[in-house]
Amino acid sequence: MSIVPYKLLYFYSDSCFHCKKISSDIDFMEKKIPTARIKEGEHKDIHEHFEVEYFPTIVFIDEKDKLIGKSVGAKQIERIIKKFK
């Protein structure tokens, strides 16, 4: 059982400048909550399920894998991560 009641899914692309920019922030988040990195082109079913169209995107899901929140774009993601610091 996880210590926190939610998980973070991080959707990214290797060719995405903004994804590279927030990479260290995602590293930080991995130390705080369970995090899965999902690369562009992999696990297309998960991309479709959470309607991921742009990178970077983060999705918070609960213990039953239901959507809690979603954020798209480096600036929005950086604001969310600051709340954890």
N, C-alpha and C. Protein backbone atom coordinates (compact mmCIF):
# COMPACT_ATOMS: atom_id res chain seq x y z
N MET A 1 0.84 -1.19 0.00
CA MET A 1 0.00 0.00 0.00
C MET A 1 0.88 1.25 0.00
N SER A 2 0.50 2.20 -0.76
CA SER A 2 1.25 3.45 -0.88
C SER A 2 1.05 4.32 0.37
N ILE A 3 2.06 5.12 0.69
CA ILE A 3 1.97 6.04 1.82
C ILE A 3 0.98 7.17 1.50
N VAL A 4 0.96 7.61 0.27
CA VAL A 4 0.02 8.65 -0.15
C VAL A 4 -1.12 8.01 -0.93
N PRO A 5 -2.30 8.63 -0.89
CA PRO A 5 -3.47 8.01 -1.54
C PRO A 5 -3.57 8.29 -3.04
N TYR A 6 -2.48 8.70 -3.66
CA TYR A 6 -2.54 8.97 -5.08
C TYR A 6 -1.18 8.69 -5.73
N LYS A 7 -1.20 8.67 -7.05
CA LYS A 7 0.01 8.42 -7.85
C LYS A 7 0.10 9.49 -8.93
N LEU A 8 1.30 9.66 -9.44
CA LEU A 8 1.54 10.63 -10.50
C LEU A 8 1.96 9.88 -11.77
N LEU A 9 1.31 10.22 -12.87
CA LEU A 9 1.72 9.73 -14.18
C LEU A 9 2.30 10.91 -14.93
N TYR A 10 3.51 10.74 -15.42
CA TYR A 10 4.19 11.81 -16.15
C TYR A 10 4.34 11.37 -17.60
N PHE A 11 3.69 12.09 -18.49
CA PHE A 11 3.74 11.80 -19.93
C PHE A 11 4.72 12.78 -20.58
N TYR A 12 5.66 12.22 -21.33
CA TYR A 12 6.72 13.06 -21.89
C TYR A 12 7.17 12.54 -23.25
N SER A 13 7.96 13.39 -23.92
CA SER A 13 8.58 13.03 -25.19
C SER A 13 10.06 13.36 -25.11
N ASP A 14 10.89 12.50 -25.64
CA ASP A 14 12.34 12.76 -25.65
C ASP A 14 12.70 14.02 -26.43
N SER A 15 11.89 14.36 -27.42
CA SER A 15 12.19 15.53 -28.25
C SER A 15 11.57 16.82 -27.73
N CYS A 16 10.93 16.76 -26.58
CA CYS A 16 10.22 17.90 -26.01
C CYS A 16 11.16 18.74 -25.14
N PHE A 17 11.39 19.99 -25.53
CA PHE A 17 12.25 20.89 -24.77
C PHE A 17 11.71 21.10 -23.35
N HIS A 18 10.40 21.33 -23.25
CA HIS A 18 9.80 21.60 -21.94
C HIS A 18 9.85 20.37 -21.02
N CYS A 19 9.78 19.20 -21.61
CA CYS A 19 9.91 17.97 -20.81
C CYS A 19 11.30 17.89 -20.20
N LYS A 20 12.30 18.22 -21.00
CA LYS A 20 13.68 18.22 -20.49
C LYS A 20 13.86 19.27 -19.40
N LYS A 21 13.19 20.41 -19.57
CA LYS A 21 13.29 21.51 -18.62
C LYS A 21 12.78 21.12 -17.23
N ILE A 22 11.71 20.33 -17.16
CA ILE A 22 11.14 19.97 -15.86
C ILE A 22 11.59 18.60 -15.37
N SER A 23 12.53 18.00 -16.05
CA SER A 23 13.00 16.66 -15.69
C SER A 23 13.45 16.56 -14.23
N SER A 24 14.20 17.56 -13.74
CA SER A 24 14.66 17.52 -12.35
C SER A 24 13.48 17.66 -11.37
N ASP A 25 12.44 18.39 -11.77
CA ASP A 25 11.24 18.50 -10.94
C ASP A 25 10.54 17.15 -10.83
N ILE A 26 10.50 16.43 -11.92
CA ILE A 26 9.88 15.10 -11.90
C ILE A 26 10.72 14.16 -11.04
N ASP A 27 12.04 14.27 -11.12
CA ASP A 27 12.93 13.48 -10.25
C ASP A 27 12.59 13.75 -8.78
N PHE A 28 12.36 15.02 -8.44
CA PHE A 28 11.99 15.41 -7.08
C PHE A 28 10.66 14.76 -6.69
N MET A 29 9.68 14.82 -7.58
CA MET A 29 8.37 14.26 -7.28
C MET A 29 8.43 12.75 -7.05
N GLU A 30 9.31 12.08 -7.78
CA GLU A 30 9.44 10.63 -7.61
C GLU A 30 9.85 10.26 -6.19
N LYS A 31 10.53 11.18 -5.50
CA LYS A 31 10.93 10.93 -4.12
C LYS A 31 9.78 11.15 -3.15
N LYS A 32 8.75 11.89 -3.59
CA LYS A 32 7.62 12.23 -2.74
C LYS A 32 6.43 11.28 -2.89
N ILE A 33 6.13 10.94 -4.13
CA ILE A 33 4.96 10.09 -4.39
C ILE A 33 5.28 9.08 -5.49
N PRO A 34 4.56 7.97 -5.51
CA PRO A 34 4.77 6.99 -6.59
C PRO A 34 4.54 7.65 -7.94
N THR A 35 5.52 7.50 -8.84
CA THR A 35 5.47 8.16 -10.13
C THR A 35 5.81 7.18 -11.24
N ALA A 36 5.04 7.27 -12.33
CA ALA A 36 5.34 6.47 -13.52
C ALA A 36 5.62 7.43 -14.66
N ARG A 37 6.73 7.20 -15.34
CA ARG A 37 7.08 7.99 -16.53
C ARG A 37 6.60 7.23 -17.75
N ILE A 38 5.79 7.90 -18.57
CA ILE A 38 5.22 7.25 -19.74
C ILE A 38 5.64 8.04 -20.98
N LYS A 39 6.47 7.41 -21.76
CA LYS A 39 7.08 8.04 -22.93
C LYS A 39 6.12 8.06 -24.12
N GLU A 40 6.25 9.10 -24.92
CA GLU A 40 5.46 9.21 -26.15
C GLU A 40 5.64 7.94 -26.97
N GLY A 41 4.54 7.39 -27.46
CA GLY A 41 4.59 6.20 -28.29
C GLY A 41 4.51 4.90 -27.52
N GLU A 42 4.66 4.95 -26.20
CA GLU A 42 4.55 3.74 -25.37
C GLU A 42 3.23 3.78 -24.61
N HIS A 43 2.65 2.64 -24.40
CA HIS A 43 1.40 2.51 -23.64
C HIS A 43 0.32 3.44 -24.20
N LYS A 44 0.06 3.31 -25.48
CA LYS A 44 -0.91 4.18 -26.15
C LYS A 44 -2.29 4.12 -25.50
N ASP A 45 -2.62 2.96 -24.93
CA ASP A 45 -3.91 2.83 -24.27
C ASP A 45 -4.03 3.78 -23.08
N ILE A 46 -2.93 3.98 -22.36
CA ILE A 46 -2.95 4.88 -21.21
C ILE A 46 -3.03 6.33 -21.69
N HIS A 47 -2.29 6.65 -22.75
CA HIS A 47 -2.37 7.99 -23.35
C HIS A 47 -3.83 8.30 -23.73
N GLU A 48 -4.47 7.35 -24.38
CA GLU A 48 -5.84 7.55 -24.83
C GLU A 48 -6.80 7.66 -23.65
N HIS A 49 -6.63 6.79 -22.65
CA HIS A 49 -7.52 6.79 -21.50
C HIS A 49 -7.54 8.15 -20.79
N PHE A 50 -6.37 8.76 -20.64
CA PHE A 50 -6.28 10.05 -19.96
C PHE A 50 -6.26 11.23 -20.93
N GLU A 51 -6.54 10.96 -22.20
CA GLU A 51 -6.64 11.98 -23.25
C GLU A 51 -5.42 12.89 -23.30
N VAL A 52 -4.25 12.27 -23.32
CA VAL A 52 -2.99 13.02 -23.39
C VAL A 52 -2.71 13.36 -24.85
N GLU A 53 -2.64 14.65 -25.13
CA GLU A 53 -2.39 15.11 -26.49
C GLU A 53 -1.11 15.92 -26.61
N TYR A 54 -0.66 16.52 -25.49
CA TYR A 54 0.50 17.40 -25.50
C TYR A 54 1.48 17.00 -24.41
N PHE A 55 2.71 17.42 -24.60
CA PHE A 55 3.76 17.10 -23.63
C PHE A 55 4.40 18.38 -23.12
N PRO A 56 4.79 18.43 -21.88
CA PRO A 56 4.58 17.42 -20.85
C PRO A 56 3.16 17.49 -20.28
N THR A 57 2.70 16.36 -19.77
CA THR A 57 1.42 16.27 -19.08
C THR A 57 1.63 15.45 -17.83
N ILE A 58 1.04 15.90 -16.72
CA ILE A 58 1.01 15.06 -15.52
C ILE A 58 -0.44 14.79 -15.16
N VAL A 59 -0.65 13.59 -14.65
CA VAL A 59 -1.97 13.15 -14.24
C VAL A 59 -1.85 12.58 -12.83
N PHE A 60 -2.72 13.01 -11.94
CA PHE A 60 -2.80 12.42 -10.62
C PHE A 60 -3.97 11.45 -10.62
N ILE A 61 -3.72 10.23 -10.13
CA ILE A 61 -4.78 9.23 -10.03
C ILE A 61 -4.85 8.71 -8.60
N ASP A 62 -6.04 8.23 -8.22
CA ASP A 62 -6.22 7.71 -6.86
C ASP A 62 -5.84 6.24 -6.79
N GLU A 63 -6.10 5.64 -5.63
CA GLU A 63 -5.73 4.24 -5.40
C GLU A 63 -6.43 3.28 -6.37
N LYS A 64 -7.56 3.71 -6.91
CA LYS A 64 -8.32 2.88 -7.85
C LYS A 64 -8.06 3.29 -9.30
N ASP A 65 -7.00 4.07 -9.51
CA ASP A 65 -6.59 4.56 -10.83
C ASP A 65 -7.62 5.47 -11.49
N LYS A 66 -8.39 6.17 -10.67
CA LYS A 66 -9.34 7.15 -11.21
C LYS A 66 -8.69 8.53 -11.19
N LEU A 67 -9.00 9.32 -12.19
CA LEU A 67 -8.42 10.65 -12.36
C LEU A 67 -8.79 11.57 -11.20
N ILE A 68 -7.76 12.20 -10.62
CA ILE A 68 -7.95 13.23 -9.60
C ILE A 68 -7.71 14.60 -10.22
N GLY A 69 -6.65 14.72 -11.01
CA GLY A 69 -6.32 15.99 -11.64
C GLY A 69 -5.35 15.80 -12.79
N LYS A 70 -5.32 16.80 -13.66
CA LYS A 70 -4.46 16.73 -14.85
C LYS A 70 -3.92 18.12 -15.12
N SER A 71 -2.66 18.19 -15.51
CA SER A 71 -2.04 19.47 -15.84
C SER A 71 -1.19 19.29 -17.09
N VAL A 72 -1.29 20.27 -17.98
CA VAL A 72 -0.55 20.23 -19.25
C VAL A 72 0.33 21.46 -19.34
N GLY A 73 1.57 21.24 -19.75
CA GLY A 73 2.49 22.34 -19.96
C GLY A 73 3.44 22.54 -18.80
N ALA A 74 4.66 22.94 -19.12
CA ALA A 74 5.72 23.06 -18.12
C ALA A 74 5.38 24.08 -17.04
N LYS A 75 4.82 25.22 -17.40
CA LYS A 75 4.55 26.26 -16.40
C LYS A 75 3.52 25.80 -15.38
N GLN A 76 2.45 25.18 -15.84
CA GLN A 76 1.44 24.67 -14.92
C GLN A 76 2.02 23.58 -14.02
N ILE A 77 2.80 22.70 -14.61
CA ILE A 77 3.40 21.60 -13.85
C ILE A 77 4.37 22.14 -12.81
N GLU A 78 5.17 23.14 -13.19
CA GLU A 78 6.11 23.73 -12.23
C GLU A 78 5.37 24.35 -11.05
N ARG A 79 4.23 25.00 -11.29
CA ARG A 79 3.43 25.58 -10.19
C ARG A 79 2.92 24.49 -9.25
N ILE A 80 2.50 23.39 -9.77
CA ILE A 80 2.01 22.29 -8.93
C ILE A 80 3.15 21.70 -8.11
N ILE A 81 4.28 21.49 -8.73
CA ILE A 81 5.41 20.88 -8.04
C ILE A 81 5.92 21.78 -6.91
N LYS A 82 5.86 23.09 -7.10
CA LYS A 82 6.29 24.01 -6.04
C LYS A 82 5.51 23.79 -4.76
N LYS A 83 4.27 23.35 -4.85
CA LYS A 83 3.44 23.09 -3.66
C LYS A 83 3.97 21.91 -2.85
N PHE A 84 4.74 21.05 -3.48
CA PHE A 84 5.29 19.89 -2.80
C PHE A 84 6.65 20.18 -2.17
N LYS A 85 7.24 21.31 -2.51
CA LYS A 85 8.58 21.63 -2.02
C LYS A 85 8.52 22.37 -0.70
